[in-house]
Amino acid sequence: MTENVRPLAEARPFIIVGTLGAIAVGIVLVMLFVDPGMPAHVNEDYMRVAGRVLQVELPLADPQALSAALRERFPRPVTVPSLADLQYALDGGALSDLGGRPAVVAIFHNDRRDLLVWHAYEGQVSELPSTPDVRDRDGQRYYVHRKTTNTLVFWQNGPIVECVTSSLPSEQVFEIALKVAAR
């Protein structure tokens, strides 16, 4: 009588799959503890404004009045831009938290209801993750980041980093940033 001998499964595929799984789990765990960077925080804030989760705390349509109100709440003086010449109305502003940093937010809309959000926070543009789109205009350096359908344009203004974010075409957002920075 002959015995039925079953062949043993080869261990190598199981070891490879197990190793790849362990690497994937390790990467996920590392990503949970790595700060995604300020562009990701600003984009998340923009999405919170667009989704009406982050709402206007100070419903002031005058940029000077909003700047004065924010000076009482924010550690550094900031000047909220006026975009009336670009046909954007100021809805108001709020305080926000960008990855553990206090920030101010000003929310603008035009007649077509296009959303434009301006952020200001204390920091340095050198802390931003690298981007291939760095532009120099009139002695000012601009760092253009793209997140999903949004364009974010950062620049340094003394101890404050400013950023304009919108889902408008990238060049249009950049042109708005140039005008805001030139004020």
C-alpha atoms as a PDB file:
ATOM      1  CA  MET A   1       0.000   0.000   0.000  1.00  0.00           C
ATOM      2  CA  THR A   2       1.338   3.434  -0.968  1.00  0.00           C
ATOM      3  CA  GLU A   3       0.873   6.446   1.184  1.00  0.00           C
ATOM      4  CA  ASN A   4      -0.508   9.670  -0.167  1.00  0.00           C
ATOM      5  CA  VAL A   5       2.128  12.231   0.585  1.00  0.00           C
ATOM      6  CA  ARG A   6       1.080  15.803   0.188  1.00  0.00           C
ATOM      7  CA  PRO A   7       3.770  18.201  -0.932  1.00  0.00           C
ATOM      8  CA  LEU A   8       4.646  20.876   1.576  1.00  0.00           C
ATOM      9  CA  ALA A   9       3.934  24.460   0.669  1.00  0.00           C
ATOM     10  CA  GLU A  10       7.009  26.465  -0.133  1.00  0.00           C
ATOM     11  CA  ALA A  11       7.768  29.016   2.576  1.00  0.00           C
ATOM     12  CA  ARG A  12       9.329  31.709   0.356  1.00  0.00           C
ATOM     13  CA  PRO A  13       6.047  33.285  -0.944  1.00  0.00           C
ATOM     14  CA  PHE A  14       4.671  33.472   2.589  1.00  0.00           C
ATOM     15  CA  ILE A  15       7.837  35.134   3.829  1.00  0.00           C
ATOM     16  CA  ILE A  16       7.783  37.671   0.969  1.00  0.00           C
ATOM     17  CA  VAL A  17       4.107  38.543   1.484  1.00  0.00           C
ATOM     18  CA  GLY A  18       4.582  38.779   5.252  1.00  0.00           C
ATOM     19  CA  THR A  19       7.607  41.046   4.850  1.00  0.00           C
ATOM     20  CA  LEU A  20       5.783  43.342   2.401  1.00  0.00           C
ATOM     21  CA  GLY A  21       2.807  43.505   4.756  1.00  0.00           C
ATOM     22  CA  ALA A  22       5.040  44.407   7.690  1.00  0.00           C
ATOM     23  CA  ILE A  23       6.719  47.145   5.617  1.00  0.00           C
ATOM     24  CA  ALA A  24       3.318  48.557   4.612  1.00  0.00           C
ATOM     25  CA  VAL A  25       2.113  48.607   8.207  1.00  0.00           C
ATOM     26  CA  GLY A  26       5.384  50.288   9.240  1.00  0.00           C
ATOM     27  CA  ILE A  27       4.958  52.994   6.601  1.00  0.00           C
ATOM     28  CA  VAL A  28       1.379  53.658   7.708  1.00  0.00           C
ATOM     29  CA  LEU A  29       2.485  53.968  11.341  1.00  0.00           C
ATOM     30  CA  VAL A  30       5.299  56.363  10.434  1.00  0.00           C
ATOM     31  CA  MET A  31       2.919  58.487   8.340  1.00  0.00           C
ATOM     32  CA  LEU A  32       0.582  58.818  11.326  1.00  0.00           C
ATOM     33  CA  PHE A  33       3.309  60.586  13.287  1.00  0.00           C
ATOM     34  CA  VAL A  34       4.896  62.699  10.528  1.00  0.00           C
ATOM     35  CA  ASP A  35       3.648  66.266  10.152  1.00  0.00           C
ATOM     36  CA  PRO A  36       2.334  66.600   6.580  1.00  0.00           C
ATOM     37  CA  GLY A  37       3.574  70.196   6.369  1.00  0.00           C
ATOM     38  CA  MET A  38       2.007  73.608   6.356  1.00  0.00           C
ATOM     39  CA  PRO A  39       0.563  73.374   2.816  1.00  0.00           C
ATOM     40  CA  ALA A  40      -1.483  70.357   3.924  1.00  0.00           C
ATOM     41  CA  HIS A  41      -2.690  72.205   7.038  1.00  0.00           C
ATOM     42  CA  VAL A  42      -3.624  75.319   5.045  1.00  0.00           C
ATOM     43  CA  ASN A  43      -5.401  73.223   2.411  1.00  0.00           C
ATOM     44  CA  GLU A  44      -7.324  71.395   5.142  1.00  0.00           C
ATOM     45  CA  ASP A  45      -8.352  74.757   6.602  1.00  0.00           C
ATOM     46  CA  TYR A  46      -9.465  75.943   3.153  1.00  0.00           C
ATOM     47  CA  MET A  47     -11.566  72.794   2.773  1.00  0.00           C
ATOM     48  CA  ARG A  48     -13.084  73.427   6.216  1.00  0.00           C
ATOM     49  CA  VAL A  49     -14.053  76.938   5.088  1.00  0.00           C
ATOM     50  CA  ALA A  50     -15.485  75.610   1.810  1.00  0.00           C
ATOM     51  CA  GLY A  51     -17.454  72.969   3.729  1.00  0.00           C
ATOM     52  CA  ARG A  52     -18.680  75.592   6.208  1.00  0.00           C
ATOM     53  CA  VAL A  53     -17.031  73.785   9.112  1.00  0.00           C
ATOM     54  CA  LEU A  54     -14.702  76.733   9.765  1.00  0.00           C
ATOM     55  CA  GLN A  55     -16.979  79.748   9.834  1.00  0.00           C
ATOM     56  CA  VAL A  56     -16.536  83.465  10.225  1.00  0.00           C
ATOM     57  CA  GLU A  57     -16.070  84.408  13.893  1.00  0.00           C
ATOM     58  CA  LEU A  58     -15.670  88.108  13.193  1.00  0.00           C
ATOM     59  CA  PRO A  59     -18.200  89.131  10.523  1.00  0.00           C
ATOM     60  CA  LEU A  60     -16.436  92.356   9.582  1.00  0.00           C
ATOM     61  CA  ALA A  61     -16.475  93.365   5.917  1.00  0.00           C
ATOM     62  CA  ASP A  62     -13.905  96.134   6.420  1.00  0.00           C
ATOM     63  CA  PRO A  63     -10.298  94.825   6.259  1.00  0.00           C
ATOM     64  CA  GLN A  64      -9.025  97.544   8.622  1.00  0.00           C
ATOM     65  CA  ALA A  65     -11.694  96.765  11.220  1.00  0.00           C
ATOM     66  CA  LEU A  66     -10.973  93.040  10.930  1.00  0.00           C
ATOM     67  CA  SER A  67      -7.220  93.674  11.245  1.00  0.00           C
ATOM     68  CA  ALA A  68      -7.844  95.693  14.427  1.00  0.00           C
ATOM     69  CA  ALA A  69     -10.105  92.987  15.883  1.00  0.00           C
ATOM     70  CA  LEU A  70      -7.550  90.275  15.095  1.00  0.00           C
ATOM     71  CA  ARG A  71      -4.731  92.260  16.746  1.00  0.00           C
ATOM     72  CA  GLU A  72      -6.488  91.753  20.062  1.00  0.00           C
ATOM     73  CA  ARG A  73      -6.548  87.960  19.573  1.00  0.00           C
ATOM     74  CA  PHE A  74      -3.426  87.097  17.566  1.00  0.00           C
ATOM     75  CA  PRO A  75       0.130  87.324  18.972  1.00  0.00           C
ATOM     76  CA  ARG A  76       1.448  89.428  16.046  1.00  0.00           C
ATOM     77  CA  PRO A  77      -0.139  92.349  14.223  1.00  0.00           C
ATOM     78  CA  VAL A  78      -1.508  91.355  10.826  1.00  0.00           C
ATOM     79  CA  THR A  79      -3.060  93.400   8.051  1.00  0.00           C
ATOM     80  CA  VAL A  80      -5.988  91.763   6.321  1.00  0.00           C
ATOM     81  CA  PRO A  81      -5.811  92.571   2.617  1.00  0.00           C
ATOM     82  CA  SER A  82      -8.443  94.525   0.773  1.00  0.00           C
ATOM     83  CA  LEU A  83      -9.405  92.783  -2.443  1.00  0.00           C
ATOM     84  CA  ALA A  84     -12.232  95.124  -3.454  1.00  0.00           C
ATOM     85  CA  ASP A  85     -10.285  96.237  -6.535  1.00  0.00           C
ATOM     86  CA  LEU A  86     -10.260  92.556  -7.609  1.00  0.00           C
ATOM     87  CA  GLN A  87     -14.032  92.350  -7.013  1.00  0.00           C
ATOM     88  CA  TYR A  88     -13.714  90.180  -3.875  1.00  0.00           C
ATOM     89  CA  ALA A  89     -15.818  90.999  -0.840  1.00  0.00           C
ATOM     90  CA  LEU A  90     -14.580  90.206   2.653  1.00  0.00           C
ATOM     91  CA  ASP A  91     -16.987  87.934   4.541  1.00  0.00           C
ATOM     92  CA  GLY A  92     -14.975  88.231   7.752  1.00  0.00           C
ATOM     93  CA  GLY A  93     -12.303  86.362   9.616  1.00  0.00           C
ATOM     94  CA  ALA A  94     -11.521  83.794  12.247  1.00  0.00           C
ATOM     95  CA  LEU A  95      -8.713  82.309  14.245  1.00  0.00           C
ATOM     96  CA  SER A  96      -7.500  78.864  13.304  1.00  0.00           C
ATOM     97  CA  ASP A  97      -4.908  76.277  14.241  1.00  0.00           C
ATOM     98  CA  LEU A  98      -2.505  75.149  11.536  1.00  0.00           C
ATOM     99  CA  GLY A  99      -0.673  72.095  12.808  1.00  0.00           C
ATOM    100  CA  GLY A 100      -0.375  73.521  16.302  1.00  0.00           C
ATOM    101  CA  ARG A 101       0.319  77.099  15.191  1.00  0.00           C
ATOM    102  CA  PRO A 102      -2.181  79.880  15.706  1.00  0.00           C
ATOM    103  CA  ALA A 103      -3.256  81.496  12.464  1.00  0.00           C
ATOM    104  CA  VAL A 104      -5.682  84.103  11.229  1.00  0.00           C
ATOM    105  CA  VAL A 105      -8.027  83.486   8.344  1.00  0.00           C
ATOM    106  CA  ALA A 106      -9.838  85.990   6.138  1.00  0.00           C
ATOM    107  CA  ILE A 107     -12.578  84.688   3.859  1.00  0.00           C
ATOM    108  CA  PHE A 108     -13.449  86.345   0.552  1.00  0.00           C
ATOM    109  CA  HIS A 109     -16.006  85.701  -2.206  1.00  0.00           C
ATOM    110  CA  ASN A 110     -16.603  87.368  -5.551  1.00  0.00           C
ATOM    111  CA  ASP A 111     -19.914  87.806  -7.417  1.00  0.00           C
ATOM    112  CA  ARG A 112     -19.568  84.299  -8.887  1.00  0.00           C
ATOM    113  CA  ARG A 113     -19.168  82.935  -5.330  1.00  0.00           C
ATOM    114  CA  ASP A 114     -15.556  81.898  -5.965  1.00  0.00           C
ATOM    115  CA  LEU A 115     -13.908  81.314  -2.602  1.00  0.00           C
ATOM    116  CA  LEU A 116     -10.556  82.851  -1.733  1.00  0.00           C
ATOM    117  CA  VAL A 117      -8.964  82.345   1.689  1.00  0.00           C
ATOM    118  CA  TRP A 118      -6.041  84.324   3.121  1.00  0.00           C
ATOM    119  CA  HIS A 119      -4.004  82.874   5.991  1.00  0.00           C
ATOM    120  CA  ALA A 120      -1.326  84.467   8.136  1.00  0.00           C
ATOM    121  CA  TYR A 121       0.761  82.704  10.768  1.00  0.00           C
ATOM    122  CA  GLU A 122       4.040  83.271  12.544  1.00  0.00           C
ATOM    123  CA  GLY A 123       6.808  81.291  10.870  1.00  0.00           C
ATOM    124  CA  GLN A 124       9.338  81.095   8.061  1.00  0.00           C
ATOM    125  CA  VAL A 125       8.850  80.013   4.455  1.00  0.00           C
ATOM    126  CA  SER A 126      12.054  77.979   4.860  1.00  0.00           C
ATOM    127  CA  GLU A 127       9.932  75.578   6.955  1.00  0.00           C
ATOM    128  CA  LEU A 128       7.704  74.783   3.970  1.00  0.00           C
ATOM    129  CA  PRO A 129       8.253  71.500   2.136  1.00  0.00           C
ATOM    130  CA  SER A 130      10.079  71.946  -1.138  1.00  0.00           C
ATOM    131  CA  THR A 131       8.133  72.762  -4.261  1.00  0.00           C
ATOM    132  CA  PRO A 132       9.312  72.901  -7.856  1.00  0.00           C
ATOM    133  CA  ASP A 133       7.292  76.098  -8.345  1.00  0.00           C
ATOM    134  CA  VAL A 134       9.196  78.935  -6.682  1.00  0.00           C
ATOM    135  CA  ARG A 135       8.820  82.361  -8.300  1.00  0.00           C
ATOM    136  CA  ASP A 136      10.609  85.656  -7.733  1.00  0.00           C
ATOM    137  CA  ARG A 137       8.765  88.906  -8.453  1.00  0.00           C
ATOM    138  CA  ASP A 138       9.859  92.402  -7.443  1.00  0.00           C
ATOM    139  CA  GLY A 139      12.271  91.123  -4.792  1.00  0.00           C
ATOM    140  CA  GLN A 140       9.687  88.817  -3.200  1.00  0.00           C
ATOM    141  CA  ARG A 141       9.839  85.015  -3.384  1.00  0.00           C
ATOM    142  CA  TYR A 142       6.603  83.031  -3.750  1.00  0.00           C
ATOM    143  CA  TYR A 143       6.176  79.327  -3.081  1.00  0.00           C
ATOM    144  CA  VAL A 144       3.347  77.773  -5.091  1.00  0.00           C
ATOM    145  CA  HIS A 145       1.921  74.493  -3.817  1.00  0.00           C
ATOM    146  CA  ARG A 146      -0.908  72.498  -5.327  1.00  0.00           C
ATOM    147  CA  LYS A 147      -3.174  70.230  -3.309  1.00  0.00           C
ATOM    148  CA  THR A 148      -5.903  68.342  -5.162  1.00  0.00           C
ATOM    149  CA  THR A 149      -7.784  71.105  -7.022  1.00  0.00           C
ATOM    150  CA  ASN A 150      -6.455  73.991  -4.914  1.00  0.00           C
ATOM    151  CA  THR A 151      -3.527  76.326  -5.412  1.00  0.00           C
ATOM    152  CA  LEU A 152      -1.715  77.756  -2.387  1.00  0.00           C
ATOM    153  CA  VAL A 153       0.739  80.651  -2.741  1.00  0.00           C
ATOM    154  CA  PHE A 154       2.983  81.396   0.269  1.00  0.00           C
ATOM    155  CA  TRP A 155       5.334  84.341   0.889  1.00  0.00           C
ATOM    156  CA  GLN A 156       7.217  85.860   3.808  1.00  0.00           C
ATOM    157  CA  ASN A 157       6.126  89.188   5.293  1.00  0.00           C
ATOM    158  CA  GLY A 158       8.465  89.949   8.197  1.00  0.00           C
ATOM    159  CA  PRO A 159       7.894  87.340  10.940  1.00  0.00           C
ATOM    160  CA  ILE A 160       4.594  86.334   9.309  1.00  0.00           C
ATOM    161  CA  VAL A 161       4.002  83.852   6.486  1.00  0.00           C
ATOM    162  CA  GLU A 162       1.014  84.749   4.344  1.00  0.00           C
ATOM    163  CA  CYS A 163      -0.847  82.441   1.994  1.00  0.00           C
ATOM    164  CA  VAL A 164      -3.645  82.829  -0.526  1.00  0.00           C
ATOM    165  CA  THR A 165      -5.622  79.680  -1.377  1.00  0.00           C
ATOM    166  CA  SER A 166      -8.318  79.053  -3.953  1.00  0.00           C
ATOM    167  CA  SER A 167      -9.591  76.486  -6.426  1.00  0.00           C
ATOM    168  CA  LEU A 168      -9.341  79.101  -9.173  1.00  0.00           C
ATOM    169  CA  PRO A 169      -6.786  78.469 -11.951  1.00  0.00           C
ATOM    170  CA  SER A 170      -3.222  78.508 -10.571  1.00  0.00           C
ATOM    171  CA  GLU A 171      -2.081  81.569 -12.510  1.00  0.00           C
ATOM    172  CA  GLN A 172      -5.083  83.535 -11.321  1.00  0.00           C
ATOM    173  CA  VAL A 173      -4.348  82.626  -7.682  1.00  0.00           C
ATOM    174  CA  PHE A 174      -0.714  83.643  -8.201  1.00  0.00           C
ATOM    175  CA  GLU A 175      -1.752  87.025  -9.653  1.00  0.00           C
ATOM    176  CA  ILE A 176      -4.003  87.631  -6.649  1.00  0.00           C
ATOM    177  CA  ALA A 177      -1.115  86.734  -4.313  1.00  0.00           C
ATOM    178  CA  LEU A 178       1.100  89.277  -6.109  1.00  0.00           C
ATOM    179  CA  LYS A 179      -1.470  92.007  -5.508  1.00  0.00           C
ATOM    180  CA  VAL A 180      -1.969  91.046  -1.870  1.00  0.00           C
ATOM    181  CA  ALA A 181       1.780  91.006  -1.203  1.00  0.00           C
ATOM    182  CA  ALA A 182       2.283  94.374  -2.929  1.00  0.00           C
ATOM    183  CA  ARG A 183      -0.108  96.246  -0.636  1.00  0.00           C
END
